[in-house]
Amino acid sequence: MRVVREDVVFREVPGEVALAFTVAGCPLRCPGCHSSDTWSPDQGRILSPDLLTGRVRRYGGLVTAVLFLGGEWQPAVLSDCLRRARTLGLVTCLYTGLDDVDPELKQLLDYLKTGPWRRELGGLDSPSTNQRFIDLRSGRILNQLFQGEHYAKADTGTTGI
């Protein structure tokens, strides 16, 4: 599995500081995708479970989650990385443009964002979005944490979502 970007993010997984990997080669090619520059599968560097461990250790306990922006099209490699993240004590999350993912993959995830990007409906911060952010441990949809007052307060540091 190749990754194009690696970032530490604060809003994509509520209540967590996530090490986020943008995976190369998305086959969905959603119109209006903000990551269309990552569609080519031949770019970026290879991410293995061992490299993931090294990247997590680099942050010395400051990250609490790992987030994959794509990668479900390579379920074996993604599963290996998710298993490693769990052994490191991290919360796991996947953002996908699909409406669902394989049940075996879901067993390795704490959170899952589903749904293709549709400009007219907006992303998770839009009340009309087709996308869903699901806590797979409870089955609850948590879209409200990305919208309205919750989201605005997160920007000012007055609440920890």
C-alpha atoms as a PDB file:
ATOM      1  CA  MET A   1       0.000   0.000   0.000  1.00  0.00           C
ATOM      2  CA  ARG A   2       1.410   3.359  -0.998  1.00  0.00           C
ATOM      3  CA  VAL A   3       0.728   6.582   0.896  1.00  0.00           C
ATOM      4  CA  VAL A   4       0.937  10.030  -0.615  1.00  0.00           C
ATOM      5  CA  ARG A   5       0.608  12.115   2.547  1.00  0.00           C
ATOM      6  CA  GLU A   6       1.109  11.710   6.252  1.00  0.00           C
ATOM      7  CA  ASP A   7      -0.341  14.278   8.637  1.00  0.00           C
ATOM      8  CA  VAL A   8      -1.230  14.667  12.292  1.00  0.00           C
ATOM      9  CA  VAL A   9      -4.882  15.724  12.409  1.00  0.00           C
ATOM     10  CA  PHE A  10      -7.190  16.869  15.195  1.00  0.00           C
ATOM     11  CA  ARG A  11     -10.702  17.007  13.707  1.00  0.00           C
ATOM     12  CA  GLU A  12     -11.146  13.935  11.548  1.00  0.00           C
ATOM     13  CA  VAL A  13     -11.538  11.508  14.478  1.00  0.00           C
ATOM     14  CA  PRO A  14     -13.481  13.183  17.311  1.00  0.00           C
ATOM     15  CA  GLY A  15     -11.636  13.272  20.608  1.00  0.00           C
ATOM     16  CA  GLU A  16      -8.428  11.880  19.105  1.00  0.00           C
ATOM     17  CA  VAL A  17      -5.099  13.083  17.775  1.00  0.00           C
ATOM     18  CA  ALA A  18      -4.704  10.976  14.656  1.00  0.00           C
ATOM     19  CA  LEU A  19      -1.790  10.051  12.476  1.00  0.00           C
ATOM     20  CA  ALA A  20      -3.475  10.214   9.060  1.00  0.00           C
ATOM     21  CA  PHE A  21      -2.271   8.444   5.943  1.00  0.00           C
ATOM     22  CA  THR A  22      -3.673   9.374   2.521  1.00  0.00           C
ATOM     23  CA  VAL A  23      -3.491   6.214   0.442  1.00  0.00           C
ATOM     24  CA  ALA A  24      -2.583   6.352  -3.262  1.00  0.00           C
ATOM     25  CA  GLY A  25      -4.651   4.802  -6.009  1.00  0.00           C
ATOM     26  CA  CYS A  26      -8.291   5.408  -5.145  1.00  0.00           C
ATOM     27  CA  PRO A  27     -10.369   3.741  -7.861  1.00  0.00           C
ATOM     28  CA  LEU A  28     -13.577   5.682  -7.074  1.00  0.00           C
ATOM     29  CA  ARG A  29     -12.580   9.022  -8.651  1.00  0.00           C
ATOM     30  CA  CYS A  30     -15.517  10.935  -7.152  1.00  0.00           C
ATOM     31  CA  PRO A  31     -16.295  14.150  -9.093  1.00  0.00           C
ATOM     32  CA  GLY A  32     -15.038  17.130  -7.091  1.00  0.00           C
ATOM     33  CA  CYS A  33     -12.684  15.009  -4.958  1.00  0.00           C
ATOM     34  CA  HIS A  34     -10.301  17.192  -2.943  1.00  0.00           C
ATOM     35  CA  SER A  35      -7.607  14.491  -3.238  1.00  0.00           C
ATOM     36  CA  SER A  36      -7.684  13.800  -6.978  1.00  0.00           C
ATOM     37  CA  ASP A  37      -3.915  14.280  -6.983  1.00  0.00           C
ATOM     38  CA  THR A  38      -3.654  10.943  -5.139  1.00  0.00           C
ATOM     39  CA  TRP A  39      -5.505   8.806  -7.704  1.00  0.00           C
ATOM     40  CA  SER A  40      -2.365   7.421  -9.366  1.00  0.00           C
ATOM     41  CA  PRO A  41      -1.452   4.120  -7.642  1.00  0.00           C
ATOM     42  CA  ASP A  42       2.266   4.445  -8.434  1.00  0.00           C
ATOM     43  CA  GLN A  43       3.050   7.494  -6.325  1.00  0.00           C
ATOM     44  CA  GLY A  44       4.085   7.888  -2.720  1.00  0.00           C
ATOM     45  CA  ARG A  45       5.964   5.491  -0.507  1.00  0.00           C
ATOM     46  CA  ILE A  46       5.132   2.005   0.660  1.00  0.00           C
ATOM     47  CA  LEU A  47       3.584   1.798   4.115  1.00  0.00           C
ATOM     48  CA  SER A  48       4.152  -1.482   5.928  1.00  0.00           C
ATOM     49  CA  PRO A  49       3.134  -2.402   9.480  1.00  0.00           C
ATOM     50  CA  ASP A  50       6.784  -1.955  10.548  1.00  0.00           C
ATOM     51  CA  LEU A  51       6.995   1.520   9.026  1.00  0.00           C
ATOM     52  CA  LEU A  52       3.682   2.382  10.703  1.00  0.00           C
ATOM     53  CA  THR A  53       5.164   1.323  14.052  1.00  0.00           C
ATOM     54  CA  GLY A  54       8.174   3.558  13.480  1.00  0.00           C
ATOM     55  CA  ARG A  55       6.023   6.529  12.558  1.00  0.00           C
ATOM     56  CA  VAL A  56       3.822   6.086  15.650  1.00  0.00           C
ATOM     57  CA  ARG A  57       6.852   5.755  17.938  1.00  0.00           C
ATOM     58  CA  ARG A  58       8.302   8.921  16.442  1.00  0.00           C
ATOM     59  CA  TYR A  59       5.450  10.845  18.062  1.00  0.00           C
ATOM     60  CA  GLY A  60       6.213   9.378  21.498  1.00  0.00           C
ATOM     61  CA  GLY A  61       2.646   8.752  22.646  1.00  0.00           C
ATOM     62  CA  LEU A  62       1.236  12.047  21.347  1.00  0.00           C
ATOM     63  CA  VAL A  63      -1.017  10.388  18.755  1.00  0.00           C
ATOM     64  CA  THR A  64      -3.991   8.381  19.989  1.00  0.00           C
ATOM     65  CA  ALA A  65      -5.407   7.142  16.680  1.00  0.00           C
ATOM     66  CA  VAL A  66      -4.466   6.122  13.177  1.00  0.00           C
ATOM     67  CA  LEU A  67      -6.620   7.218  10.241  1.00  0.00           C
ATOM     68  CA  PHE A  68      -6.496   5.853   6.736  1.00  0.00           C
ATOM     69  CA  LEU A  69      -7.951   8.066   4.036  1.00  0.00           C
ATOM     70  CA  GLY A  70      -8.656   5.238   1.616  1.00  0.00           C
ATOM     71  CA  GLY A  71      -6.933   1.908   1.250  1.00  0.00           C
ATOM     72  CA  GLU A  72      -9.975  -0.355   1.445  1.00  0.00           C
ATOM     73  CA  TRP A  73      -9.151  -1.495  -2.111  1.00  0.00           C
ATOM     74  CA  GLN A  74      -6.099  -3.233  -0.585  1.00  0.00           C
ATOM     75  CA  PRO A  75      -7.814  -5.039   2.319  1.00  0.00           C
ATOM     76  CA  ALA A  76      -4.971  -7.438   3.221  1.00  0.00           C
ATOM     77  CA  VAL A  77      -2.347  -4.709   3.643  1.00  0.00           C
ATOM     78  CA  LEU A  78      -4.783  -2.316   5.304  1.00  0.00           C
ATOM     79  CA  SER A  79      -5.836  -5.070   7.727  1.00  0.00           C
ATOM     80  CA  ASP A  80      -2.199  -5.735   8.651  1.00  0.00           C
ATOM     81  CA  CYS A  81      -1.663  -2.030   9.380  1.00  0.00           C
ATOM     82  CA  LEU A  82      -4.883  -1.798  11.421  1.00  0.00           C
ATOM     83  CA  ARG A  83      -3.883  -4.854  13.476  1.00  0.00           C
ATOM     84  CA  ARG A  84      -0.504  -3.256  14.163  1.00  0.00           C
ATOM     85  CA  ALA A  85      -2.150   0.008  15.184  1.00  0.00           C
ATOM     86  CA  ARG A  86      -4.325  -1.866  17.653  1.00  0.00           C
ATOM     87  CA  THR A  87      -1.312  -3.641  19.171  1.00  0.00           C
ATOM     88  CA  LEU A  88       0.164  -0.169  19.658  1.00  0.00           C
ATOM     89  CA  GLY A  89      -2.963   0.837  21.598  1.00  0.00           C
ATOM     90  CA  LEU A  90      -4.333   3.203  18.955  1.00  0.00           C
ATOM     91  CA  VAL A  91      -7.917   3.894  17.968  1.00  0.00           C
ATOM     92  CA  THR A  92      -8.478   2.986  14.302  1.00  0.00           C
ATOM     93  CA  CYS A  93     -10.440   4.837  11.638  1.00  0.00           C
ATOM     94  CA  LEU A  94     -11.042   4.598   7.894  1.00  0.00           C
ATOM     95  CA  TYR A  95     -12.482   7.224   5.568  1.00  0.00           C
ATOM     96  CA  THR A  96     -13.970   5.626   2.450  1.00  0.00           C
ATOM     97  CA  GLY A  97     -16.070   6.847  -0.444  1.00  0.00           C
ATOM     98  CA  LEU A  98     -17.939   3.544  -0.421  1.00  0.00           C
ATOM     99  CA  ASP A  99     -21.257   3.071   1.348  1.00  0.00           C
ATOM    100  CA  ASP A 100     -19.804   0.144   3.332  1.00  0.00           C
ATOM    101  CA  VAL A 101     -16.673  -1.993   3.619  1.00  0.00           C
ATOM    102  CA  ASP A 102     -15.966  -5.672   4.098  1.00  0.00           C
ATOM    103  CA  PRO A 103     -17.119  -6.982   7.526  1.00  0.00           C
ATOM    104  CA  GLU A 104     -13.635  -8.377   8.233  1.00  0.00           C
ATOM    105  CA  LEU A 105     -12.173  -4.915   7.785  1.00  0.00           C
ATOM    106  CA  LYS A 106     -14.869  -3.398  10.002  1.00  0.00           C
ATOM    107  CA  GLN A 107     -13.822  -5.686  12.866  1.00  0.00           C
ATOM    108  CA  LEU A 108     -10.465  -3.884  12.924  1.00  0.00           C
ATOM    109  CA  LEU A 109     -11.983  -0.394  12.994  1.00  0.00           C
ATOM    110  CA  ASP A 110     -13.313   1.772  15.802  1.00  0.00           C
ATOM    111  CA  TYR A 111     -14.645   4.456  13.431  1.00  0.00           C
ATOM    112  CA  LEU A 112     -15.714   4.468   9.803  1.00  0.00           C
ATOM    113  CA  LYS A 113     -16.631   7.403   7.533  1.00  0.00           C
ATOM    114  CA  THR A 114     -18.663   6.221   4.552  1.00  0.00           C
ATOM    115  CA  GLY A 115     -20.141   7.757   1.429  1.00  0.00           C
ATOM    116  CA  PRO A 116     -18.829   9.323  -1.758  1.00  0.00           C
ATOM    117  CA  TRP A 117     -18.190  13.040  -1.960  1.00  0.00           C
ATOM    118  CA  ARG A 118     -21.121  14.838  -3.585  1.00  0.00           C
ATOM    119  CA  ARG A 119     -20.591  18.553  -3.968  1.00  0.00           C
ATOM    120  CA  GLU A 120     -24.329  19.335  -3.819  1.00  0.00           C
ATOM    121  CA  LEU A 121     -24.663  17.514  -0.473  1.00  0.00           C
ATOM    122  CA  GLY A 122     -21.389  18.576   1.155  1.00  0.00           C
ATOM    123  CA  GLY A 123     -19.146  16.726   3.568  1.00  0.00           C
ATOM    124  CA  LEU A 124     -19.560  15.737   7.199  1.00  0.00           C
ATOM    125  CA  ASP A 125     -19.922  19.383   8.217  1.00  0.00           C
ATOM    126  CA  SER A 126     -23.125  19.693   6.146  1.00  0.00           C
ATOM    127  CA  PRO A 127     -26.526  18.665   7.557  1.00  0.00           C
ATOM    128  CA  SER A 128     -27.544  17.476   4.071  1.00  0.00           C
ATOM    129  CA  THR A 129     -24.528  15.189   3.558  1.00  0.00           C
ATOM    130  CA  ASN A 130     -24.863  11.634   2.321  1.00  0.00           C
ATOM    131  CA  GLN A 131     -21.718  10.739   4.276  1.00  0.00           C
ATOM    132  CA  ARG A 132     -21.823   9.085   7.696  1.00  0.00           C
ATOM    133  CA  PHE A 133     -19.266   8.989  10.489  1.00  0.00           C
ATOM    134  CA  ILE A 134     -19.982   5.849  12.515  1.00  0.00           C
ATOM    135  CA  ASP A 135     -18.663   4.723  15.884  1.00  0.00           C
ATOM    136  CA  LEU A 136     -18.494   1.005  15.096  1.00  0.00           C
ATOM    137  CA  ARG A 137     -18.152   0.124  18.785  1.00  0.00           C
ATOM    138  CA  SER A 138     -21.639   1.463  19.538  1.00  0.00           C
ATOM    139  CA  GLY A 139     -23.197   1.716  16.070  1.00  0.00           C
ATOM    140  CA  ARG A 140     -23.931   5.418  16.627  1.00  0.00           C
ATOM    141  CA  ILE A 141     -23.729   7.907  13.776  1.00  0.00           C
ATOM    142  CA  LEU A 142     -21.699  10.891  14.990  1.00  0.00           C
ATOM    143  CA  ASN A 143     -22.178  13.401  12.163  1.00  0.00           C
ATOM    144  CA  GLN A 144     -23.407  16.013  14.637  1.00  0.00           C
ATOM    145  CA  LEU A 145     -19.858  16.263  15.999  1.00  0.00           C
ATOM    146  CA  PHE A 146     -18.744  17.746  12.676  1.00  0.00           C
ATOM    147  CA  GLN A 147     -21.609  20.206  12.341  1.00  0.00           C
ATOM    148  CA  GLY A 148     -22.836  23.449  13.822  1.00  0.00           C
ATOM    149  CA  GLU A 149     -21.963  24.487  17.343  1.00  0.00           C
ATOM    150  CA  HIS A 150     -19.875  21.397  18.144  1.00  0.00           C
ATOM    151  CA  TYR A 151     -17.575  22.033  15.193  1.00  0.00           C
ATOM    152  CA  ALA A 152     -17.296  25.781  15.761  1.00  0.00           C
ATOM    153  CA  LYS A 153     -16.363  25.294  19.427  1.00  0.00           C
ATOM    154  CA  ALA A 154     -13.664  22.836  18.436  1.00  0.00           C
ATOM    155  CA  ASP A 155     -12.036  25.611  16.389  1.00  0.00           C
ATOM    156  CA  THR A 156     -11.845  27.868  19.452  1.00  0.00           C
ATOM    157  CA  GLY A 157     -10.648  25.153  21.785  1.00  0.00           C
ATOM    158  CA  THR A 158     -13.695  25.473  24.070  1.00  0.00           C
ATOM    159  CA  THR A 159     -14.737  21.846  23.695  1.00  0.00           C
ATOM    160  CA  GLY A 160     -12.906  18.625  22.986  1.00  0.00           C
ATOM    161  CA  ILE A 161     -14.782  16.697  20.370  1.00  0.00           C
END
